[in-house]
Amino acid sequence: MMSYTHLIALNGTGREQLVLHLVATTDAQAAEYRDDVLSRLQNAGVPDAVSWQFVPTDEDTLTSVVQLDPYFEQFTFIDDIDEFVKLVSDARSLTALDVAHHLVADLDVDDEQVQHVLYYNICDIFS
């Protein structure tokens, strides 16, 4: 029976969780895929944007990975390296609204505090 190694690159930088999914027939091929993806991420300026997992299964399907570990059900899967790198790079480019949303939603900062953070940082940039 054939076995496969699924290369999973997880990114949770943006508003959605992104996962690159590539299938290799050997561990060496999976390592080559990882090195290629890492090189492209470094070229895009986001080398530390993913966590890596290698998942062995007897099938070359994404379904086999999710069946093995239902944790992966929550992610948006991408099978194109260039698209993944672009999406990760774009997600790392936060806007002031992204920062404000994070402060209010995740850090329980009130509106007035957010206004001060954004206002004083913008004043420092333009002064």
Protein backbone atom coordinates (compact mmCIF):
# COMPACT_ATOMS: atom_id res chain seq x y z
CA MET A 1 0.00 0.00 0.00
CA MET A 2 1.23 3.49 -0.87
CA SER A 3 1.76 5.99 1.92
CA TYR A 4 1.77 9.76 1.65
CA THR A 5 3.14 12.64 3.65
CA HIS A 6 0.96 15.71 3.73
CA LEU A 7 2.82 18.98 4.23
CA ILE A 8 0.62 21.36 6.19
CA ALA A 9 1.66 25.00 6.62
CA LEU A 10 -0.64 26.78 9.06
CA ASN A 11 -1.07 30.55 9.12
CA GLY A 12 -3.37 32.44 11.46
CA THR A 13 -2.20 36.00 10.89
CA GLY A 14 -5.25 37.46 9.19
CA ARG A 15 -8.96 37.24 9.77
CA GLU A 16 -9.08 33.65 8.60
CA GLN A 17 -6.93 30.64 9.22
CA LEU A 18 -5.09 29.59 6.06
CA VAL A 19 -3.51 26.23 5.40
CA LEU A 20 -1.28 25.22 2.54
CA HIS A 21 -1.72 21.54 1.76
CA LEU A 22 0.78 19.66 -0.39
CA VAL A 23 1.08 15.91 -0.79
CA ALA A 24 4.39 14.07 -1.13
CA THR A 25 5.15 10.42 -1.73
CA THR A 26 8.31 10.49 0.39
CA ASP A 27 9.50 12.35 3.46
CA ALA A 28 12.36 13.78 1.38
CA GLN A 29 9.91 15.20 -1.14
CA ALA A 30 7.85 16.72 1.67
CA ALA A 31 11.02 18.36 3.04
CA GLU A 32 11.77 19.75 -0.44
CA TYR A 33 8.25 21.19 -0.61
CA ARG A 34 8.75 22.78 2.83
CA ASP A 35 12.09 24.29 1.77
CA ASP A 36 10.49 25.70 -1.39
CA VAL A 37 7.58 27.24 0.54
CA LEU A 38 9.93 28.63 3.19
CA SER A 39 12.12 30.20 0.49
CA ARG A 40 9.09 31.87 -1.09
CA LEU A 41 7.88 33.12 2.28
CA GLN A 42 11.35 34.55 2.99
CA ASN A 43 11.34 36.31 -0.39
CA ALA A 44 7.94 37.80 0.51
CA GLY A 45 9.31 39.00 3.86
CA VAL A 46 7.20 36.68 6.02
CA PRO A 47 9.44 33.69 6.85
CA ASP A 48 8.03 33.19 10.33
CA ALA A 49 4.37 33.33 9.33
CA VAL A 50 3.60 29.61 9.40
CA SER A 51 3.85 26.57 11.58
CA TRP A 52 4.67 23.29 9.90
CA GLN A 53 3.14 19.85 10.25
CA PHE A 54 3.83 16.63 8.40
CA VAL A 55 0.87 14.25 8.45
CA PRO A 56 1.33 10.66 7.21
CA THR A 57 -1.71 8.90 5.72
CA ASP A 58 -2.47 6.04 3.36
CA GLU A 59 -4.35 8.34 0.98
CA ASP A 60 -3.36 11.42 -0.98
CA THR A 61 -6.57 13.29 -0.16
CA LEU A 62 -7.21 16.19 2.17
CA THR A 63 -10.16 14.22 3.52
CA SER A 64 -7.74 11.62 4.89
CA VAL A 65 -5.95 14.34 6.86
CA VAL A 66 -9.19 15.73 8.31
CA GLN A 67 -10.40 12.22 9.18
CA LEU A 68 -7.13 11.56 10.97
CA ASP A 69 -7.31 14.85 12.87
CA PRO A 70 -10.63 16.79 12.90
CA TYR A 71 -8.68 19.86 14.12
CA PHE A 72 -8.06 20.66 10.45
CA GLU A 73 -11.79 21.09 9.70
CA GLN A 74 -11.67 24.74 10.77
CA PHE A 75 -9.17 25.89 8.15
CA THR A 76 -9.40 27.21 4.62
CA PHE A 77 -7.14 24.96 2.55
CA ILE A 78 -5.06 26.18 -0.37
CA ASP A 79 -3.07 23.94 -2.68
CA ASP A 80 -1.23 26.63 -4.67
CA ILE A 81 2.04 27.85 -3.13
CA ASP A 82 2.04 31.24 -4.87
CA GLU A 83 -1.54 31.98 -3.81
CA PHE A 84 -0.78 30.93 -0.24
CA VAL A 85 2.32 33.15 -0.04
CA LYS A 86 0.38 36.11 -1.44
CA LEU A 87 -2.50 35.64 1.02
CA VAL A 88 -0.11 35.28 3.97
CA SER A 89 1.84 38.35 2.89
CA ASP A 90 -1.37 40.36 2.47
CA ALA A 91 -2.62 39.21 5.87
CA ARG A 92 0.58 40.45 7.49
CA SER A 93 -0.09 43.94 6.13
CA LEU A 94 -2.39 45.23 8.84
CA THR A 95 -4.36 48.45 8.54
CA ALA A 96 -5.25 50.84 11.34
CA LEU A 97 -8.74 49.32 11.34
CA ASP A 98 -7.26 45.84 11.79
CA VAL A 99 -5.24 47.07 14.76
CA ALA A 100 -8.24 48.88 16.25
CA HIS A 101 -10.43 45.80 15.86
CA HIS A 102 -7.82 43.64 17.58
CA LEU A 103 -7.46 46.09 20.46
CA VAL A 104 -11.22 46.29 21.07
CA ALA A 105 -12.18 42.67 20.37
CA ASP A 106 -9.21 40.78 21.76
CA LEU A 107 -7.64 43.06 24.37
CA ASP A 108 -10.76 44.71 25.81
CA VAL A 109 -9.50 48.24 25.10
CA ASP A 110 -12.25 50.85 25.03
CA ASP A 111 -12.92 53.21 22.11
CA GLU A 112 -11.26 56.23 23.71
CA GLN A 113 -8.06 54.27 24.40
CA VAL A 114 -8.02 53.03 20.79
CA GLN A 115 -8.42 56.60 19.57
CA HIS A 116 -5.43 57.69 21.67
CA VAL A 117 -3.27 54.82 20.45
CA LEU A 118 -4.03 55.48 16.80
CA TYR A 119 -4.00 59.28 17.03
CA TYR A 120 -0.69 59.57 18.89
CA ASN A 121 1.02 57.00 16.66
CA ILE A 122 -0.14 58.82 13.52
CA CYS A 123 1.02 62.16 14.97
CA ASP A 124 4.46 60.63 15.65
CA ILE A 125 4.66 59.36 12.07
CA PHE A 126 3.83 62.72 10.51
CA SER A 127 5.73 64.98 12.92
